[in-house]
PDB file of N, CA and C in Angstrom:
ATOM      1  N   MET A   1      -0.557  11.168 -15.499  1.00  0.00           N
ATOM      2  CA  MET A   1      -0.058  10.909 -14.166  1.00  0.00           C
ATOM      3  C   MET A   1       0.349   9.449 -14.055  1.00  0.00           C
ATOM      4  N   SER A   2       1.405   9.225 -13.343  1.00  0.00           N
ATOM      5  CA  SER A   2       1.883   7.857 -13.185  1.00  0.00           C
ATOM      6  C   SER A   2       1.347   7.259 -11.887  1.00  0.00           C
ATOM      7  N   GLU A   3       1.535   5.971 -11.759  1.00  0.00           N
ATOM      8  CA  GLU A   3       1.053   5.243 -10.594  1.00  0.00           C
ATOM      9  C   GLU A   3       2.225   4.724  -9.775  1.00  0.00           C
ATOM     10  N   ILE A   4       2.026   4.683  -8.483  1.00  0.00           N
ATOM     11  CA  ILE A   4       2.961   4.048  -7.568  1.00  0.00           C
ATOM     12  C   ILE A   4       2.283   2.761  -7.126  1.00  0.00           C
ATOM     13  N   PHE A   5       2.898   1.628  -7.378  1.00  0.00           N
ATOM     14  CA  PHE A   5       2.343   0.361  -6.927  1.00  0.00           C
ATOM     15  C   PHE A   5       2.969   0.004  -5.597  1.00  0.00           C
ATOM     16  N   CYS A   6       2.149  -0.234  -4.605  1.00  0.00           N
ATOM     17  CA  CYS A   6       2.588  -0.697  -3.288  1.00  0.00           C
ATOM     18  C   CYS A   6       1.949  -2.057  -3.077  1.00  0.00           C
ATOM     19  N   ASP A   7       2.763  -3.072  -3.080  1.00  0.00           N
ATOM     20  CA  ASP A   7       2.276  -4.435  -2.880  1.00  0.00           C
ATOM     21  C   ASP A   7       2.401  -4.788  -1.409  1.00  0.00           C
ATOM     22  N   ILE A   8       1.268  -5.056  -0.778  1.00  0.00           N
ATOM     23  CA  ILE A   8       1.232  -5.459   0.622  1.00  0.00           C
ATOM     24  C   ILE A   8       1.455  -6.963   0.647  1.00  0.00           C
ATOM     25  N   VAL A   9       2.533  -7.385   1.303  1.00  0.00           N
ATOM     26  CA  VAL A   9       2.890  -8.805   1.282  1.00  0.00           C
ATOM     27  C   VAL A   9       3.172  -9.313   2.697  1.00  0.00           C
ATOM     28  N   PRO A  10       2.827 -10.582   2.926  1.00  0.00           N
ATOM     29  CA  PRO A  10       3.128 -11.156   4.236  1.00  0.00           C
ATOM     30  C   PRO A  10       4.620 -11.423   4.372  1.00  0.00           C
ATOM     31  N   HIS A  11       5.070 -11.434   5.589  1.00  0.00           N
ATOM     32  CA  HIS A  11       6.457 -11.710   5.931  1.00  0.00           C
ATOM     33  C   HIS A  11       6.410 -12.617   7.161  1.00  0.00           C
ATOM     34  N   PRO A  12       7.373 -13.499   7.351  1.00  0.00           N
ATOM     35  CA  PRO A  12       7.331 -14.383   8.522  1.00  0.00           C
ATOM     36  C   PRO A  12       7.174 -13.640   9.857  1.00  0.00           C
ATOM     37  N   GLU A  13       7.592 -12.379   9.896  1.00  0.00           N
ATOM     38  CA  GLU A  13       7.514 -11.604  11.134  1.00  0.00           C
ATOM     39  C   GLU A  13       6.385 -10.579  11.130  1.00  0.00           C
ATOM     40  N   GLY A  14       5.538 -10.552  10.084  1.00  0.00           N
ATOM     41  CA  GLY A  14       4.441  -9.587  10.021  1.00  0.00           C
ATOM     42  C   GLY A  14       4.062  -9.279   8.590  1.00  0.00           C
ATOM     43  N   TRP A  15       3.978  -7.992   8.270  1.00  0.00           N
ATOM     44  CA  TRP A  15       3.605  -7.522   6.937  1.00  0.00           C
ATOM     45  C   TRP A  15       4.557  -6.424   6.498  1.00  0.00           C
ATOM     46  N   MET A  16       4.695  -6.260   5.195  1.00  0.00           N
ATOM     47  CA  MET A  16       5.488  -5.170   4.641  1.00  0.00           C
ATOM     48  C   MET A  16       4.884  -4.777   3.306  1.00  0.00           C
ATOM     49  N   PHE A  17       5.360  -3.673   2.743  1.00  0.00           N
ATOM     50  CA  PHE A  17       4.973  -3.337   1.377  1.00  0.00           C
ATOM     51  C   PHE A  17       6.233  -3.205   0.540  1.00  0.00           C
ATOM     52  N   VAL A  18       6.070  -3.445  -0.736  1.00  0.00           N
ATOM     53  CA  VAL A  18       7.156  -3.294  -1.703  1.00  0.00           C
ATOM     54  C   VAL A  18       6.683  -2.265  -2.719  1.00  0.00           C
ATOM     55  N   SER A  19       7.487  -1.232  -2.911  1.00  0.00           N
ATOM     56  CA  SER A  19       7.133  -0.181  -3.849  1.00  0.00           C
ATOM     57  C   SER A  19       8.379   0.228  -4.618  1.00  0.00           C
ATOM     58  N   GLU A  20       8.241   0.251  -5.927  1.00  0.00           N
ATOM     59  CA  GLU A  20       9.341   0.650  -6.806  1.00  0.00           C
ATOM     60  C   GLU A  20      10.598  -0.163  -6.510  1.00  0.00           C
ATOM     61  N   GLY A  21      10.400  -1.452  -6.210  1.00  0.00           N
ATOM     62  CA  GLY A  21      11.509  -2.358  -5.967  1.00  0.00           C
ATOM     63  C   GLY A  21      12.151  -2.264  -4.603  1.00  0.00           C
ATOM     64  N   VAL A  22      11.590  -1.436  -3.724  1.00  0.00           N
ATOM     65  CA  VAL A  22      12.158  -1.241  -2.394  1.00  0.00           C
ATOM     66  C   VAL A  22      11.206  -1.816  -1.350  1.00  0.00           C
ATOM     67  N   GLN A  23      11.749  -2.619  -0.433  1.00  0.00           N
ATOM     68  CA  GLN A  23      10.945  -3.195   0.640  1.00  0.00           C
ATOM     69  C   GLN A  23      10.871  -2.234   1.815  1.00  0.00           C
ATOM     70  N   SER A  24       9.703  -2.184   2.417  1.00  0.00           N
ATOM     71  CA  SER A  24       9.533  -1.382   3.623  1.00  0.00           C
ATOM     72  C   SER A  24      10.046  -2.162   4.825  1.00  0.00           C
ATOM     73  N   PRO A  25      10.118  -1.517   5.967  1.00  0.00           N
ATOM     74  CA  PRO A  25      10.370  -2.277   7.194  1.00  0.00           C
ATOM     75  C   PRO A  25       9.211  -3.256   7.430  1.00  0.00           C
ATOM     76  N   ILE A  26       9.392  -4.179   8.341  1.00  0.00           N
ATOM     77  CA  ILE A  26       8.365  -5.156   8.691  1.00  0.00           C
ATOM     78  C   ILE A  26       7.430  -4.525   9.723  1.00  0.00           C
ATOM     79  N   PHE A  27       6.126  -4.699   9.519  1.00  0.00           N
ATOM     80  CA  PHE A  27       5.127  -4.189  10.449  1.00  0.00           C
ATOM     81  C   PHE A  27       4.422  -5.371  11.106  1.00  0.00           C
ATOM     82  N   PRO A  28       4.037  -5.226  12.368  1.00  0.00           N
ATOM     83  CA  PRO A  28       3.438  -6.361  13.075  1.00  0.00           C
ATOM     84  C   PRO A  28       2.033  -6.722  12.607  1.00  0.00           C
ATOM     85  N   CYS A  29       1.342  -5.804  11.928  1.00  0.00           N
ATOM     86  CA  CYS A  29      -0.002  -6.121  11.454  1.00  0.00           C
ATOM     87  C   CYS A  29      -0.241  -5.506  10.070  1.00  0.00           C
ATOM     88  N   TYR A  30      -1.231  -6.033   9.401  1.00  0.00           N
ATOM     89  CA  TYR A  30      -1.589  -5.619   8.044  1.00  0.00           C
ATOM     90  C   TYR A  30      -1.942  -4.134   7.991  1.00  0.00           C
ATOM     91  N   GLN A  31      -2.746  -3.678   8.938  1.00  0.00           N
ATOM     92  CA  GLN A  31      -3.200  -2.288   8.929  1.00  0.00           C
ATOM     93  C   GLN A  31      -2.029  -1.316   8.988  1.00  0.00           C
ATOM     94  N   LEU A  32      -1.026  -1.601   9.791  1.00  0.00           N
ATOM     95  CA  LEU A  32       0.144  -0.715   9.871  1.00  0.00           C
ATOM     96  C   LEU A  32       0.905  -0.680   8.550  1.00  0.00           C
ATOM     97  N   ALA A  33       0.970  -1.803   7.859  1.00  0.00           N
ATOM     98  CA  ALA A  33       1.637  -1.832   6.551  1.00  0.00           C
ATOM     99  C   ALA A  33       0.872  -0.984   5.539  1.00  0.00           C
ATOM    100  N   VAL A  34      -0.450  -1.056   5.562  1.00  0.00           N
ATOM    101  CA  VAL A  34      -1.269  -0.241   4.652  1.00  0.00           C
ATOM    102  C   VAL A  34      -1.085   1.241   4.961  1.00  0.00           C
ATOM    103  N   GLU A  35      -1.123   1.600   6.235  1.00  0.00           N
ATOM    104  CA  GLU A  35      -0.930   3.002   6.612  1.00  0.00           C
ATOM    105  C   GLU A  35       0.444   3.503   6.177  1.00  0.00           C
ATOM    106  N   ALA A  36       1.457   2.675   6.309  1.00  0.00           N
ATOM    107  CA  ALA A  36       2.802   3.058   5.876  1.00  0.00           C
ATOM    108  C   ALA A  36       2.857   3.230   4.357  1.00  0.00           C
ATOM    109  N   ALA A  37       2.127   2.404   3.631  1.00  0.00           N
ATOM    110  CA  ALA A  37       2.075   2.542   2.172  1.00  0.00           C
ATOM    111  C   ALA A  37       1.438   3.876   1.795  1.00  0.00           C
ATOM    112  N   TYR A  38       0.394   4.286   2.498  1.00  0.00           N
ATOM    113  CA  TYR A  38      -0.215   5.594   2.247  1.00  0.00           C
ATOM    114  C   TYR A  38       0.767   6.722   2.564  1.00  0.00           C
ATOM    115  N   ARG A  39       1.506   6.599   3.658  1.00  0.00           N
ATOM    116  CA  ARG A  39       2.513   7.621   3.975  1.00  0.00           C
ATOM    117  C   ARG A  39       3.572   7.693   2.872  1.00  0.00           C
ATOM    118  N   HIS A  40       3.967   6.530   2.375  1.00  0.00           N
ATOM    119  CA  HIS A  40       4.929   6.466   1.275  1.00  0.00           C
ATOM    120  C   HIS A  40       4.381   7.228   0.065  1.00  0.00           C
ATOM    121  N   ALA A  41       3.110   7.041  -0.222  1.00  0.00           N
ATOM    122  CA  ALA A  41       2.496   7.737  -1.357  1.00  0.00           C
ATOM    123  C   ALA A  41       2.479   9.241  -1.140  1.00  0.00           C
ATOM    124  N   ASN A  42       2.240   9.675   0.098  1.00  0.00           N
ATOM    125  CA  ASN A  42       2.240  11.109   0.391  1.00  0.00           C
ATOM    126  C   ASN A  42       3.600  11.728   0.109  1.00  0.00           C
ATOM    127  N   GLU A  43       4.667  10.983   0.363  1.00  0.00           N
ATOM    128  CA  GLU A  43       6.008  11.480   0.066  1.00  0.00           C
ATOM    129  C   GLU A  43       6.213  11.661  -1.432  1.00  0.00           C
ATOM    130  N   LYS A  44       5.511  10.861  -2.233  1.00  0.00           N
ATOM    131  CA  LYS A  44       5.636  10.928  -3.683  1.00  0.00           C
ATOM    132  C   LYS A  44       4.593  11.843  -4.314  1.00  0.00           C
ATOM    133  N   ALA A  45       3.704  12.436  -3.501  1.00  0.00           N
ATOM    134  CA  ALA A  45       2.575  13.207  -4.022  1.00  0.00           C
ATOM    135  C   ALA A  45       3.013  14.389  -4.878  1.00  0.00           C
ATOM    136  N   HIS A  46       4.175  14.960  -4.586  1.00  0.00           N
ATOM    137  CA  HIS A  46       4.634  16.113  -5.364  1.00  0.00           C
ATOM    138  C   HIS A  46       4.818  15.754  -6.835  1.00  0.00           C
ATOM    139  N   ALA A  47       4.986  14.503  -7.142  1.00  0.00           N
ATOM    140  CA  ALA A  47       5.156  14.063  -8.521  1.00  0.00           C
ATOM    141  C   ALA A  47       3.811  13.774  -9.184  1.00  0.00           C
ATOM    142  N   ARG A  48       2.696  14.072  -8.479  1.00  0.00           N
ATOM    143  CA  ARG A  48       1.345  13.862  -9.009  1.00  0.00           C
ATOM    144  C   ARG A  48       1.152  12.427  -9.465  1.00  0.00           C
ATOM    145  N   ARG A  49       1.376  11.511  -8.572  1.00  0.00           N
ATOM    146  CA  ARG A  49       1.230  10.097  -8.872  1.00  0.00           C
ATOM    147  C   ARG A  49       0.071   9.527  -8.068  1.00  0.00           C
ATOM    148  N   PHE A  50      -0.471   8.456  -8.545  1.00  0.00           N
ATOM    149  CA  PHE A  50      -1.556   7.765  -7.855  1.00  0.00           C
ATOM    150  C   PHE A  50      -1.027   6.512  -7.188  1.00  0.00           C
ATOM    151  N   LEU A  51      -1.504   6.258  -5.984  1.00  0.00           N
ATOM    152  CA  LEU A  51      -1.136   5.041  -5.269  1.00  0.00           C
ATOM    153  C   LEU A  51      -2.100   3.928  -5.643  1.00  0.00           C
ATOM    154  N   VAL A  52      -1.544   2.776  -5.962  1.00  0.00           N
ATOM    155  CA  VAL A  52      -2.349   1.584  -6.206  1.00  0.00           C
ATOM    156  C   VAL A  52      -1.868   0.523  -5.226  1.00  0.00           C
ATOM    157  N   LEU A  53      -2.706   0.240  -4.222  1.00  0.00           N
ATOM    158  CA  LEU A  53      -2.378  -0.813  -3.264  1.00  0.00           C
ATOM    159  C   LEU A  53      -2.783  -2.144  -3.861  1.00  0.00           C
ATOM    160  N   ARG A  54      -1.903  -3.120  -3.747  1.00  0.00           N
ATOM    161  CA  ARG A  54      -2.209  -4.456  -4.264  1.00  0.00           C
ATOM    162  C   ARG A  54      -1.852  -5.491  -3.214  1.00  0.00           C
ATOM    163  N   GLN A  55      -2.567  -6.609  -3.290  1.00  0.00           N
ATOM    164  CA  GLN A  55      -2.271  -7.750  -2.430  1.00  0.00           C
ATOM    165  C   GLN A  55      -2.377  -9.007  -3.263  1.00  0.00           C
ATOM    166  N   GLN A  56      -1.539  -9.961  -2.964  1.00  0.00           N
ATOM    167  CA  GLN A  56      -1.531 -11.215  -3.709  1.00  0.00           C
ATOM    168  C   GLN A  56      -2.732 -12.064  -3.302  1.00  0.00           C
ATOM    169  N   ASP A  57      -3.459 -12.589  -4.311  1.00  0.00           N
ATOM    170  CA  ASP A  57      -4.579 -13.472  -3.994  1.00  0.00           C
ATOM    171  C   ASP A  57      -4.093 -14.911  -3.867  1.00  0.00           C
ATOM    172  N   LEU A  58      -5.010 -15.805  -3.596  1.00  0.00           N
ATOM    173  CA  LEU A  58      -4.629 -17.206  -3.366  1.00  0.00           C
ATOM    174  C   LEU A  58      -4.088 -17.895  -4.612  1.00  0.00           C
ATOM    175  N   LYS A  59      -4.328 -17.325  -5.789  1.00  0.00           N
ATOM    176  CA  LYS A  59      -3.811 -17.898  -7.038  1.00  0.00           C
ATOM    177  C   LYS A  59      -2.494 -17.249  -7.460  1.00  0.00           C
ATOM    178  N   GLY A  60      -1.960 -16.353  -6.618  1.00  0.00           N
ATOM    179  CA  GLY A  60      -0.674 -15.733  -6.904  1.00  0.00           C
ATOM    180  C   GLY A  60      -0.741 -14.457  -7.721  1.00  0.00           C
ATOM    181  N   ARG A  61      -1.947 -13.986  -8.040  1.00  0.00           N
ATOM    182  CA  ARG A  61      -2.103 -12.745  -8.817  1.00  0.00           C
ATOM    183  C   ARG A  61      -2.136 -11.540  -7.882  1.00  0.00           C
ATOM    184  N   MET A  62      -1.612 -10.409  -8.360  1.00  0.00           N
ATOM    185  CA  MET A  62      -1.676  -9.177  -7.594  1.00  0.00           C
ATOM    186  C   MET A  62      -2.985  -8.483  -7.935  1.00  0.00           C
ATOM    187  N   CYS A  63      -3.806  -8.207  -6.934  1.00  0.00           N
ATOM    188  CA  CYS A  63      -5.117  -7.590  -7.113  1.00  0.00           C
ATOM    189  C   CYS A  63      -5.131  -6.229  -6.428  1.00  0.00           C
ATOM    190  N   SER A  64      -5.679  -5.236  -7.113  1.00  0.00           N
ATOM    191  CA  SER A  64      -5.774  -3.893  -6.545  1.00  0.00           C
ATOM    192  C   SER A  64      -6.732  -3.883  -5.370  1.00  0.00           C
ATOM    193  N   LEU A  65      -6.311  -3.199  -4.309  1.00  0.00           N
ATOM    194  CA  LEU A  65      -7.177  -3.010  -3.149  1.00  0.00           C
ATOM    195  C   LEU A  65      -7.880  -1.669  -3.237  1.00  0.00           C
ATOM    196  N   ALA A  66      -7.140  -0.628  -3.663  1.00  0.00           N
ATOM    197  CA  ALA A  66      -7.711   0.710  -3.719  1.00  0.00           C
ATOM    198  C   ALA A  66      -6.821   1.598  -4.557  1.00  0.00           C
ATOM    199  N   GLY A  67      -7.408   2.628  -5.138  1.00  0.00           N
ATOM    200  CA  GLY A  67      -6.641   3.660  -5.820  1.00  0.00           C
ATOM    201  C   GLY A  67      -6.623   4.873  -4.916  1.00  0.00           C
ATOM    202  N   HIS A  68      -5.590   5.681  -5.006  1.00  0.00           N
ATOM    203  CA  HIS A  68      -5.491   6.836  -4.123  1.00  0.00           C
ATOM    204  C   HIS A  68      -4.684   7.915  -4.805  1.00  0.00           C
ATOM    205  N   ASP A  69      -4.981   9.164  -4.490  1.00  0.00           N
ATOM    206  CA  ASP A  69      -4.312  10.270  -5.163  1.00  0.00           C
ATOM    207  C   ASP A  69      -3.224  10.936  -4.331  1.00  0.00           C
ATOM    208  N   GLY A  70      -2.704  10.243  -3.321  1.00  0.00           N
ATOM    209  CA  GLY A  70      -1.607  10.797  -2.545  1.00  0.00           C
ATOM    210  C   GLY A  70      -2.034  11.599  -1.341  1.00  0.00           C
ATOM    211  N   ILE A  71      -3.330  11.646  -1.053  1.00  0.00           N
ATOM    212  CA  ILE A  71      -3.824  12.342   0.125  1.00  0.00           C
ATOM    213  C   ILE A  71      -4.040  11.307   1.213  1.00  0.00           C
ATOM    214  N   THR A  72      -3.658  11.629   2.430  1.00  0.00           N
ATOM    215  CA  THR A  72      -3.815  10.674   3.519  1.00  0.00           C
ATOM    216  C   THR A  72      -5.275  10.270   3.637  1.00  0.00           C
ATOM    217  N   PRO A  73      -5.562   8.978   3.712  1.00  0.00           N
ATOM    218  CA  PRO A  73      -6.954   8.536   3.781  1.00  0.00           C
ATOM    219  C   PRO A  73      -7.580   8.850   5.127  1.00  0.00           C
ATOM    220  N   SER A  74      -8.885   9.036   5.089  1.00  0.00           N
ATOM    221  CA  SER A  74      -9.596   9.150   6.351  1.00  0.00           C
ATOM    222  C   SER A  74      -9.607   7.774   6.999  1.00  0.00           C
ATOM    223  N   GLU A  75     -10.032   7.729   8.242  1.00  0.00           N
ATOM    224  CA  GLU A  75     -10.082   6.441   8.932  1.00  0.00           C
ATOM    225  C   GLU A  75     -11.017   5.477   8.203  1.00  0.00           C
ATOM    226  N   ASP A  76     -12.152   5.985   7.695  1.00  0.00           N
ATOM    227  CA  ASP A  76     -13.090   5.132   6.965  1.00  0.00           C
ATOM    228  C   ASP A  76     -12.484   4.617   5.666  1.00  0.00           C
ATOM    229  N   GLU A  77     -11.750   5.468   4.944  1.00  0.00           N
ATOM    230  CA  GLU A  77     -11.113   5.037   3.701  1.00  0.00           C
ATOM    231  C   GLU A  77     -10.063   3.966   3.972  1.00  0.00           C
ATOM    232  N   ALA A  78      -9.273   4.153   5.009  1.00  0.00           N
ATOM    233  CA  ALA A  78      -8.249   3.159   5.349  1.00  0.00           C
ATOM    234  C   ALA A  78      -8.908   1.852   5.720  1.00  0.00           C
ATOM    235  N   ARG A  79     -10.001   1.905   6.467  1.00  0.00           N
ATOM    236  CA  ARG A  79     -10.700   0.692   6.868  1.00  0.00           C
ATOM    237  C   ARG A  79     -11.274   0.006   5.631  1.00  0.00           C
ATOM    238  N   THR A  80     -11.832   0.785   4.687  1.00  0.00           N
ATOM    239  CA  THR A  80     -12.378   0.231   3.459  1.00  0.00           C
ATOM    240  C   THR A  80     -11.284  -0.449   2.642  1.00  0.00           C
ATOM    241  N   ALA A  81     -10.094   0.152   2.581  1.00  0.00           N
ATOM    242  CA  ALA A  81      -8.991  -0.419   1.813  1.00  0.00           C
ATOM    243  C   ALA A  81      -8.525  -1.738   2.402  1.00  0.00           C
ATOM    244  N   LEU A  82      -8.810  -1.954   3.677  1.00  0.00           N
ATOM    245  CA  LEU A  82      -8.379  -3.172   4.329  1.00  0.00           C
ATOM    246  C   LEU A  82      -9.309  -4.337   4.063  1.00  0.00           C
ATOM    247  N   HIS A  83     -10.507  -4.065   3.554  1.00  0.00           N
ATOM    248  CA  HIS A  83     -11.493  -5.141   3.358  1.00  0.00           C
ATOM    249  C   HIS A  83     -11.748  -5.398   1.903  1.00  0.00           C
TER     250      HIS A  83
END
């Protein structure tokens, strides 16, 4: 199974994710960007891919936040992925 990388990145107007070289729309808060990344993964679920959420750390490295199998997260899972 392949992985879909969704990088959650800040934007001057909010947050967005970048996946497979495509930028998402801008979201006003981090949580909305994460939820949109999960929705993006659900659209790709038919290809049996795993979502890997990443965020840039203070040293410029991309660090995984959570792995996911394309199923919409519960509220607790989404909250956990945010911390």
